[in-house]
Amino acid sequence: MAPKRSLKDKDLIIPLGVLGVLAGIDAALPPRLLVSGSFGVAAVVASAITTVRRTAMVGVAALVVTAISPIWNHDLNTIGWWIRLAMAVGLGALAVVLATVRVRREQALQHMTTIAETAQRALLRAIPSSIGSLRFATRYVSATKDALVGGDLYEVVEAPDGVRLIVGDARGKGLDAVQMAATVLATFRRAAALELPLTEIAADLDRVVTAVAGMEDFVTALLADLHDDHTVTLVNCGHHPPLLLTDAGTTALVDTGDPQPPLGLGPTPHMVTTGLPEGARMLFYTDGMIETRDQEGAFFPLTDRAHILLGGSLDDALDGLLGQVADHAAEEIDDDMALVLAERHTRRDAA
């Protein structure tokens, strides 16, 4: 059985194919229309897709083919032949330089991406799938391709009478937003453990964000206490309200009271209490979801698509919703999204 080609071996197919095509054209053309001086182009092509070593190999191959081109061009030791050799050497050297620069940039980018992903994963700790009578599922979608980097945040902390939760969005993207999210999460975790009222936690978060934020920085946040008595207390600081889905199939955005500015802009938060009956689900989300646009500029209609969250497991429900968001945006997601889906156990499930 023949061994499989590695991905790096496949990287050589295109530049060597270019070299073969150029050599074939050169052999077919009349002597006055020689293209053998361009054989080094194959190495330039290689510099864009493969390693420095393999780029050099293609450059050497182009030089060898140029050197033997007099077999069909009949111009050995002519000025034209020497010029073409010089061009092959020059293009090969240029290709090696270009490949070296590209590889170093890719390595630096990969290093920074790894650091950012590690920081983000450390911030967004895994949330338990079940705490008391509540179940949870979470998702984080980054607008940065191939990297989990952004300022959206969530956290769930167990409390004596239920669960404390925060979902938020630090303004901006990248490492600055990650740093702001880290500050908010650290402050929330400390305050939640002290069993302070949500209004005091929000005021504490506002002071911290104000102290560390720039002139135009802020964090939208929704804080929630999910109590064992099947009620939910909410404090909203410039964030989108949660979506309540009952086992009867109804969906509605929860009224969180008069709008308040985000953290860092001096909100005066107040608490609103609503119910989360058995079998009901509540979706907490950031604006990346509802502000996702289709090709015609229309926003994603969350309330119209929310029925997909009513069936199956929590994980399947979130995956289905994110699939619809991706279809709506034609896979062009341009903002981060953090989602937390909570469900109150039914008595049958709890048993």
Foldseek 3Di string as FASTA:
>chain_A
DDDDDDPQNVLLPVLVVVLVVLLVVQLPDALVPHPLLCSLVSLLSSLVRHALVVSLVSLVVSLVSLQPSCVRNVQPPHPVSVNSSVSSVVSSVVSSVSSVVVVVVVVVVVVLLVVQQVLLPVQADDDQQDDVQKGKDKDKDALDPPGRWFQWYKDWDADPFAIKIKTKHKPDIGDVSSVLSSQLSVLLVVVVVVVDPPQVSLVVQLVSCLVPDDPPIFMWMKIWGCGPVQKIKIKGAQFFAKWKAALVGDIDGDDQDDYFHTRNPDTNIDIDMDGADALMKIKDKGVLQQCQAAPVGHGDPCNVPVSLCNDDDNVSSVVVSVVVSCVRHVNNRNHMMMMMMMHGHDPVRVD
